[in-house]
Protein backbone atom coordinates (compact mmCIF):
# COMPACT_ATOMS: atom_id res chain seq x y z
CA UNK A 1 0.00 0.00 0.00
CA UNK A 2 2.90 2.36 0.74
CA UNK A 3 4.16 1.99 -2.83
CA UNK A 4 0.72 2.44 -4.35
CA UNK A 5 -0.23 5.54 -2.38
CA UNK A 6 3.03 7.02 -1.14
CA UNK A 7 5.62 6.93 -3.88
CA UNK A 8 3.46 7.47 -6.97
CA UNK A 9 1.16 10.42 -7.44
CA UNK A 10 -1.88 9.20 -5.47
CA UNK A 11 -4.21 11.27 -7.65
CA UNK A 12 -3.26 9.57 -10.94
CA UNK A 13 -5.86 6.88 -11.72
CA UNK A 14 -4.94 3.34 -12.65
CA UNK A 15 -6.65 -0.06 -12.51
CA UNK A 16 -6.77 -0.18 -8.69
CA UNK A 17 -6.67 3.52 -7.77
CA UNK A 18 -9.23 6.07 -8.89
CA UNK A 19 -11.29 9.12 -7.99
CA UNK A 20 -14.75 8.24 -6.70
CA UNK A 21 -17.59 9.03 -9.11
CA UNK A 22 -19.55 10.65 -6.29
CA UNK A 23 -16.96 11.92 -3.80
CA UNK A 24 -18.34 12.39 -0.30
CA UNK A 25 -17.21 15.14 2.02
CA UNK A 26 -14.72 12.73 3.52
CA UNK A 27 -13.62 10.35 0.76
CA UNK A 28 -12.24 11.47 -2.60
CA UNK A 29 -10.24 8.47 -3.87
CA UNK A 30 -10.39 4.68 -3.57
CA UNK A 31 -7.55 2.20 -3.68
CA UNK A 32 -8.27 -1.53 -4.16
CA UNK A 33 -6.10 -4.48 -3.21
CA UNK A 34 -7.95 -7.80 -3.55
CA UNK A 35 -10.87 -7.46 -1.09
CA UNK A 36 -9.32 -4.51 0.78
CA UNK A 37 -10.63 -0.99 0.12
CA UNK A 38 -8.80 2.17 1.20
CA UNK A 39 -10.63 5.51 0.99
CA UNK A 40 -8.46 8.59 1.09
CA UNK A 41 -8.03 12.22 0.14
CA UNK A 42 -4.99 14.23 -0.87
CA UNK A 43 -4.15 17.58 0.70
CA UNK A 44 -1.12 19.37 -0.70
CA UNK A 45 1.55 16.64 -0.74
CA UNK A 46 0.00 14.35 1.91
CA UNK A 47 -2.21 11.29 1.47
CA UNK A 48 -4.77 11.17 4.29
CA UNK A 49 -6.37 7.75 4.76
CA UNK A 50 -9.95 8.20 5.98
CA UNK A 51 -11.21 4.60 6.08
CA UNK A 52 -10.11 1.04 5.41
CA UNK A 53 -12.68 -1.63 4.71
CA UNK A 54 -13.26 -5.06 3.23
CA UNK A 55 -15.41 -6.10 0.31
CA UNK A 56 -17.52 -9.25 0.76
CA UNK A 57 -19.48 -10.06 -2.37
CA UNK A 58 -21.33 -6.87 -3.19
CA UNK A 59 -21.15 -5.49 0.36
CA UNK A 60 -18.60 -3.03 1.74
CA UNK A 61 -17.75 -3.40 5.42
CA UNK A 62 -16.14 -0.52 7.34
CA UNK A 63 -15.46 -1.34 10.97
CA UNK A 64 -17.61 -4.45 10.65
CA UNK A 65 -20.65 -2.43 9.52
CA UNK A 66 -22.23 -2.57 6.07
CA UNK A 67 -21.85 0.76 4.24
CA UNK A 68 -23.26 2.20 1.02
CA UNK A 69 -21.26 4.91 -0.76
PDB file of N, CA and C in Angstrom:
ATOM      1  N   UNK A   1       0.826  -1.179   0.000  1.00  0.00           N
ATOM      2  CA  UNK A   1       0.000   0.000   0.000  1.00  0.00           C
ATOM      3  C   UNK A   1       0.880   1.257   0.000  1.00  0.00           C
ATOM      4  N   UNK A   2       1.985   1.218   0.713  1.00  0.00           N
ATOM      5  CA  UNK A   2       2.900   2.357   0.742  1.00  0.00           C
ATOM      6  C   UNK A   2       3.349   2.726  -0.668  1.00  0.00           C
ATOM      7  N   UNK A   3       3.704   1.727  -1.462  1.00  0.00           N
ATOM      8  CA  UNK A   3       4.164   1.990  -2.828  1.00  0.00           C
ATOM      9  C   UNK A   3       3.037   2.538  -3.684  1.00  0.00           C
ATOM     10  N   UNK A   4       1.838   2.026  -3.503  1.00  0.00           N
ATOM     11  CA  UNK A   4       0.717   2.439  -4.350  1.00  0.00           C
ATOM     12  C   UNK A   4       0.224   3.838  -4.017  1.00  0.00           C
ATOM     13  N   UNK A   5       0.294   4.232  -2.761  1.00  0.00           N
ATOM     14  CA  UNK A   5      -0.226   5.544  -2.380  1.00  0.00           C
ATOM     15  C   UNK A   5       0.860   6.557  -2.050  1.00  0.00           C
ATOM     16  N   UNK A   6       2.020   6.098  -1.624  1.00  0.00           N
ATOM     17  CA  UNK A   6       3.032   7.021  -1.138  1.00  0.00           C
ATOM     18  C   UNK A   6       4.045   7.475  -2.161  1.00  0.00           C
ATOM     19  N   UNK A   7       4.532   6.574  -2.984  1.00  0.00           N
ATOM     20  CA  UNK A   7       5.622   6.926  -3.884  1.00  0.00           C
ATOM     21  C   UNK A   7       5.128   7.480  -5.213  1.00  0.00           C
ATOM     22  N   UNK A   8       4.029   6.944  -5.740  1.00  0.00           N
ATOM     23  CA  UNK A   8       3.459   7.468  -6.974  1.00  0.00           C
ATOM     24  C   UNK A   8       2.578   8.669  -6.634  1.00  0.00           C
ATOM     25  N   UNK A   9       2.135   9.360  -7.653  1.00  0.00           N
ATOM     26  CA  UNK A   9       1.158  10.416  -7.443  1.00  0.00           C
ATOM     27  C   UNK A   9      -0.176   9.749  -7.138  1.00  0.00           C
ATOM     28  N   UNK A  10      -0.667   9.895  -5.928  1.00  0.00           N
ATOM     29  CA  UNK A  10      -1.880   9.203  -5.469  1.00  0.00           C
ATOM     30  C   UNK A  10      -3.146   9.696  -6.153  1.00  0.00           C
ATOM     31  N   UNK A  11      -3.036  10.755  -6.955  1.00  0.00           N
ATOM     32  CA  UNK A  11      -4.214  11.271  -7.652  1.00  0.00           C
ATOM     33  C   UNK A  11      -4.296  10.773  -9.092  1.00  0.00           C
ATOM     34  N   UNK A  12      -3.260  10.083  -9.571  1.00  0.00           N
ATOM     35  CA  UNK A  12      -3.261   9.571 -10.938  1.00  0.00           C
ATOM     36  C   UNK A  12      -3.996   8.229 -10.961  1.00  0.00           C
ATOM     37  N   UNK A  13      -5.095   8.132 -11.714  1.00  0.00           N
ATOM     38  CA  UNK A  13      -5.863   6.882 -11.718  1.00  0.00           C
ATOM     39  C   UNK A  13      -5.126   5.756 -12.441  1.00  0.00           C
ATOM     40  N   UNK A  14      -5.381   4.542 -11.963  1.00  0.00           N
ATOM     41  CA  UNK A  14      -4.942   3.341 -12.649  1.00  0.00           C
ATOM     42  C   UNK A  14      -5.989   2.262 -12.385  1.00  0.00           C
ATOM     43  N   UNK A  15      -5.670   1.016 -12.647  1.00  0.00           N
ATOM     44  CA  UNK A  15      -6.651  -0.062 -12.509  1.00  0.00           C
ATOM     45  C   UNK A  15      -7.202  -0.184 -11.084  1.00  0.00           C
ATOM     46  N   UNK A  16      -6.368   0.018 -10.084  1.00  0.00           N
ATOM     47  CA  UNK A  16      -6.773  -0.176  -8.693  1.00  0.00           C
ATOM     48  C   UNK A  16      -6.874   1.103  -7.877  1.00  0.00           C
ATOM     49  N   UNK A  17      -6.636   2.242  -8.491  1.00  0.00           N
ATOM     50  CA  UNK A  17      -6.666   3.520  -7.774  1.00  0.00           C
ATOM     51  C   UNK A  17      -7.399   4.528  -8.639  1.00  0.00           C
ATOM     52  N   UNK A  18      -8.449   5.138  -8.089  1.00  0.00           N
ATOM     53  CA  UNK A  18      -9.230   6.067  -8.895  1.00  0.00           C
ATOM     54  C   UNK A  18     -10.016   7.038  -8.026  1.00  0.00           C
ATOM     55  N   UNK A  19     -10.435   8.133  -8.656  1.00  0.00           N
ATOM     56  CA  UNK A  19     -11.288   9.118  -7.985  1.00  0.00           C
ATOM     57  C   UNK A  19     -12.705   8.557  -7.945  1.00  0.00           C
ATOM     58  N   UNK A  20     -13.377   8.719  -6.818  1.00  0.00           N
ATOM     59  CA  UNK A  20     -14.754   8.242  -6.700  1.00  0.00           C
ATOM     60  C   UNK A  20     -15.668   9.028  -7.631  1.00  0.00           C
ATOM     61  N   UNK A  21     -16.648   8.355  -8.204  1.00  0.00           N
ATOM     62  CA  UNK A  21     -17.590   9.026  -9.111  1.00  0.00           C
ATOM     63  C   UNK A  21     -18.417  10.059  -8.373  1.00  0.00           C
ATOM     64  N   UNK A  22     -18.792   9.729  -7.135  1.00  0.00           N
ATOM     65  CA  UNK A  22     -19.547  10.649  -6.288  1.00  0.00           C
ATOM     66  C   UNK A  22     -18.767  10.861  -4.993  1.00  0.00           C
ATOM     67  N   UNK A  23     -17.759  11.718  -5.014  1.00  0.00           N
ATOM     68  CA  UNK A  23     -16.964  11.917  -3.797  1.00  0.00           C
ATOM     69  C   UNK A  23     -17.842  12.442  -2.657  1.00  0.00           C
ATOM     70  N   UNK A  24     -17.632  11.883  -1.468  1.00  0.00           N
ATOM     71  CA  UNK A  24     -18.343  12.390  -0.296  1.00  0.00           C
ATOM     72  C   UNK A  24     -17.513  13.519   0.294  1.00  0.00           C
ATOM     73  N   UNK A  25     -17.976  14.089   1.361  1.00  0.00           N
ATOM     74  CA  UNK A  25     -17.214  15.143   2.017  1.00  0.00           C
ATOM     75  C   UNK A  25     -15.925  14.620   2.627  1.00  0.00           C
ATOM     76  N   UNK A  26     -15.877  13.306   2.861  1.00  0.00           N
ATOM     77  CA  UNK A  26     -14.717  12.730   3.523  1.00  0.00           C
ATOM     78  C   UNK A  26     -13.821  11.950   2.570  1.00  0.00           C
ATOM     79  N   UNK A  27     -14.393  11.178   1.666  1.00  0.00           N
ATOM     80  CA  UNK A  27     -13.615  10.346   0.758  1.00  0.00           C
ATOM     81  C   UNK A  27     -13.565  10.978  -0.624  1.00  0.00           C
ATOM     82  N   UNK A  28     -12.379  10.956  -1.235  1.00  0.00           N
ATOM     83  CA  UNK A  28     -12.244  11.466  -2.597  1.00  0.00           C
ATOM     84  C   UNK A  28     -11.730  10.391  -3.553  1.00  0.00           C
ATOM     85  N   UNK A  29     -10.849   9.516  -3.048  1.00  0.00           N
ATOM     86  CA  UNK A  29     -10.243   8.475  -3.867  1.00  0.00           C
ATOM     87  C   UNK A  29     -10.433   7.111  -3.221  1.00  0.00           C
ATOM     88  N   UNK A  30     -10.339   6.060  -4.052  1.00  0.00           N
ATOM     89  CA  UNK A  30     -10.395   4.682  -3.566  1.00  0.00           C
ATOM     90  C   UNK A  30      -9.208   3.916  -4.130  1.00  0.00           C
ATOM     91  N   UNK A  31      -8.610   3.105  -3.282  1.00  0.00           N
ATOM     92  CA  UNK A  31      -7.546   2.197  -3.681  1.00  0.00           C
ATOM     93  C   UNK A  31      -8.014   0.785  -3.377  1.00  0.00           C
ATOM     94  N   UNK A  32      -7.840  -0.137  -4.315  1.00  0.00           N
ATOM     95  CA  UNK A  32      -8.271  -1.527  -4.159  1.00  0.00           C
ATOM     96  C   UNK A  32      -7.072  -2.458  -4.175  1.00  0.00           C
ATOM     97  N   UNK A  33      -7.095  -3.408  -3.245  1.00  0.00           N
ATOM     98  CA  UNK A  33      -6.097  -4.475  -3.214  1.00  0.00           C
ATOM     99  C   UNK A  33      -6.827  -5.741  -2.784  1.00  0.00           C
ATOM    100  N   UNK A  34      -7.109  -6.609  -3.754  1.00  0.00           N
ATOM    101  CA  UNK A  34      -7.948  -7.798  -3.549  1.00  0.00           C
ATOM    102  C   UNK A  34      -9.268  -7.382  -2.916  1.00  0.00           C
ATOM    103  N   UNK A  35      -9.594  -7.837  -1.692  1.00  0.00           N
ATOM    104  CA  UNK A  35     -10.873  -7.460  -1.093  1.00  0.00           C
ATOM    105  C   UNK A  35     -10.743  -6.270  -0.142  1.00  0.00           C
ATOM    106  N   UNK A  36      -9.572  -5.671  -0.064  1.00  0.00           N
ATOM    107  CA  UNK A  36      -9.322  -4.512   0.784  1.00  0.00           C
ATOM    108  C   UNK A  36      -9.657  -3.227   0.029  1.00  0.00           C
ATOM    109  N   UNK A  37     -10.318  -2.284   0.705  1.00  0.00           N
ATOM    110  CA  UNK A  37     -10.634  -0.985   0.118  1.00  0.00           C
ATOM    111  C   UNK A  37     -10.098   0.109   1.029  1.00  0.00           C
ATOM    112  N   UNK A  38      -9.349   1.043   0.456  1.00  0.00           N
ATOM    113  CA  UNK A  38      -8.801   2.171   1.203  1.00  0.00           C
ATOM    114  C   UNK A  38      -9.392   3.442   0.602  1.00  0.00           C
ATOM    115  N   UNK A  39     -10.033   4.241   1.428  1.00  0.00           N
ATOM    116  CA  UNK A  39     -10.625   5.505   0.987  1.00  0.00           C
ATOM    117  C   UNK A  39      -9.783   6.633   1.549  1.00  0.00           C
ATOM    118  N   UNK A  40      -9.392   7.550   0.668  1.00  0.00           N
ATOM    119  CA  UNK A  40      -8.457   8.587   1.086  1.00  0.00           C
ATOM    120  C   UNK A  40      -8.710   9.884   0.338  1.00  0.00           C
ATOM    121  N   UNK A  41      -8.027  10.924   0.807  1.00  0.00           N
ATOM    122  CA  UNK A  41      -8.033  12.221   0.136  1.00  0.00           C
ATOM    123  C   UNK A  41      -6.602  12.733   0.119  1.00  0.00           C
ATOM    124  N   UNK A  42      -6.335  13.671  -0.742  1.00  0.00           N
ATOM    125  CA  UNK A  42      -4.989  14.231  -0.867  1.00  0.00           C
ATOM    126  C   UNK A  42      -5.073  15.719  -0.569  1.00  0.00           C
ATOM    127  N   UNK A  43      -4.246  16.158   0.370  1.00  0.00           N
ATOM    128  CA  UNK A  43      -4.149  17.580   0.704  1.00  0.00           C
ATOM    129  C   UNK A  43      -2.696  17.987   0.558  1.00  0.00           C
ATOM    130  N   UNK A  44      -2.469  18.928  -0.341  1.00  0.00           N
ATOM    131  CA  UNK A  44      -1.123  19.375  -0.695  1.00  0.00           C
ATOM    132  C   UNK A  44      -0.293  18.172  -1.119  1.00  0.00           C
ATOM    133  N   UNK A  45       0.719  17.780  -0.349  1.00  0.00           N
ATOM    134  CA  UNK A  45       1.545  16.640  -0.738  1.00  0.00           C
ATOM    135  C   UNK A  45       1.365  15.454   0.204  1.00  0.00           C
ATOM    136  N   UNK A  46       0.258  15.435   0.959  1.00  0.00           N
ATOM    137  CA  UNK A  46       0.004  14.351   1.910  1.00  0.00           C
ATOM    138  C   UNK A  46      -1.209  13.523   1.508  1.00  0.00           C
ATOM    139  N   UNK A  47      -1.090  12.209   1.664  1.00  0.00           N
ATOM    140  CA  UNK A  47      -2.207  11.289   1.468  1.00  0.00           C
ATOM    141  C   UNK A  47      -2.800  11.018   2.840  1.00  0.00           C
ATOM    142  N   UNK A  48      -4.081  11.352   3.013  1.00  0.00           N
ATOM    143  CA  UNK A  48      -4.768  11.167   4.286  1.00  0.00           C
ATOM    144  C   UNK A  48      -5.775  10.035   4.151  1.00  0.00           C
ATOM    145  N   UNK A  49      -5.492   8.917   4.815  1.00  0.00           N
ATOM    146  CA  UNK A  49      -6.374   7.755   4.758  1.00  0.00           C
ATOM    147  C   UNK A  49      -7.532   7.999   5.721  1.00  0.00           C
ATOM    148  N   UNK A  50      -8.755   7.936   5.185  1.00  0.00           N
ATOM    149  CA  UNK A  50      -9.948   8.199   5.982  1.00  0.00           C
ATOM    150  C   UNK A  50     -10.616   6.924   6.468  1.00  0.00           C
ATOM    151  N   UNK A  51     -10.559   5.851   5.692  1.00  0.00           N
ATOM    152  CA  UNK A  51     -11.214   4.603   6.076  1.00  0.00           C
ATOM    153  C   UNK A  51     -10.588   3.437   5.334  1.00  0.00           C
ATOM    154  N   UNK A  52     -10.568   2.292   6.006  1.00  0.00           N
ATOM    155  CA  UNK A  52     -10.112   1.044   5.405  1.00  0.00           C
ATOM    156  C   UNK A  52     -11.203   0.016   5.648  1.00  0.00           C
ATOM    157  N   UNK A  53     -11.611  -0.656   4.588  1.00  0.00           N
ATOM    158  CA  UNK A  53     -12.680  -1.634   4.715  1.00  0.00           C
ATOM    159  C   UNK A  53     -12.409  -2.881   3.903  1.00  0.00           C
ATOM    160  N   UNK A  54     -13.351  -3.801   3.980  1.00  0.00           N
ATOM    161  CA  UNK A  54     -13.261  -5.059   3.230  1.00  0.00           C
ATOM    162  C   UNK A  54     -14.502  -5.219   2.380  1.00  0.00           C
ATOM    163  N   UNK A  55     -14.314  -5.819   1.235  1.00  0.00           N
ATOM    164  CA  UNK A  55     -15.409  -6.098   0.309  1.00  0.00           C
ATOM    165  C   UNK A  55     -15.759  -7.575   0.437  1.00  0.00           C
ATOM    166  N   UNK A  56     -17.021  -7.868   0.717  1.00  0.00           N
ATOM    167  CA  UNK A  56     -17.523  -9.249   0.760  1.00  0.00           C
ATOM    168  C   UNK A  56     -18.681  -9.338  -0.206  1.00  0.00           C
ATOM    169  N   UNK A  57     -18.444 -10.010  -1.334  1.00  0.00           N
ATOM    170  CA  UNK A  57     -19.475 -10.064  -2.367  1.00  0.00           C
ATOM    171  C   UNK A  57     -19.751  -8.668  -2.874  1.00  0.00           C
ATOM    172  N   UNK A  58     -21.002  -8.228  -2.764  1.00  0.00           N
ATOM    173  CA  UNK A  58     -21.330  -6.867  -3.195  1.00  0.00           C
ATOM    174  C   UNK A  58     -21.516  -5.935  -2.007  1.00  0.00           C
ATOM    175  N   UNK A  59     -21.025  -6.318  -0.829  1.00  0.00           N
ATOM    176  CA  UNK A  59     -21.145  -5.489   0.362  1.00  0.00           C
ATOM    177  C   UNK A  59     -19.790  -4.925   0.765  1.00  0.00           C
ATOM    178  N   UNK A  60     -19.794  -3.680   1.214  1.00  0.00           N
ATOM    179  CA  UNK A  60     -18.600  -3.033   1.740  1.00  0.00           C
ATOM    180  C   UNK A  60     -18.742  -2.940   3.250  1.00  0.00           C
ATOM    181  N   UNK A  61     -17.724  -3.428   3.961  1.00  0.00           N
ATOM    182  CA  UNK A  61     -17.749  -3.398   5.418  1.00  0.00           C
ATOM    183  C   UNK A  61     -16.665  -2.458   5.919  1.00  0.00           C
ATOM    184  N   UNK A  62     -17.075  -1.448   6.684  1.00  0.00           N
ATOM    185  CA  UNK A  62     -16.144  -0.525   7.336  1.00  0.00           C
ATOM    186  C   UNK A  62     -16.359  -0.682   8.833  1.00  0.00           C
ATOM    187  N   UNK A  63     -15.339  -1.118   9.533  1.00  0.00           N
ATOM    188  CA  UNK A  63     -15.465  -1.336  10.968  1.00  0.00           C
ATOM    189  C   UNK A  63     -16.500  -2.404  11.311  1.00  0.00           C
ATOM    190  N   UNK A  64     -16.663  -3.382  10.427  1.00  0.00           N
ATOM    191  CA  UNK A  64     -17.612  -4.453  10.647  1.00  0.00           C
ATOM    192  C   UNK A  64     -19.056  -4.096  10.321  1.00  0.00           C
ATOM    193  N   UNK A  65     -19.302  -2.873   9.858  1.00  0.00           N
ATOM    194  CA  UNK A  65     -20.646  -2.434   9.521  1.00  0.00           C
ATOM    195  C   UNK A  65     -20.802  -2.265   8.020  1.00  0.00           C
ATOM    196  N   UNK A  66     -21.939  -2.693   7.498  1.00  0.00           N
ATOM    197  CA  UNK A  66     -22.231  -2.570   6.072  1.00  0.00           C
ATOM    198  C   UNK A  66     -22.454  -1.095   5.719  1.00  0.00           C
ATOM    199  N   UNK A  67     -21.801  -0.645   4.646  1.00  0.00           N
ATOM    200  CA  UNK A  67     -21.849   0.763   4.238  1.00  0.00           C
ATOM    201  C   UNK A  67     -22.206   0.860   2.765  1.00  0.00           C
ATOM    202  N   UNK A  68     -22.955   1.886   2.417  1.00  0.00           N
ATOM    203  CA  UNK A  68     -23.257   2.196   1.018  1.00  0.00           C
ATOM    204  C   UNK A  68     -22.644   3.563   0.713  1.00  0.00           C
ATOM    205  N   UNK A  69     -21.861   3.622  -0.348  1.00  0.00           N
ATOM    206  CA  UNK A  69     -21.256   4.911  -0.757  1.00  0.00           C
ATOM    207  C   UNK A  69     -22.053   5.534  -1.866  1.00  0.00           C
TER     208      UNK A  69
END
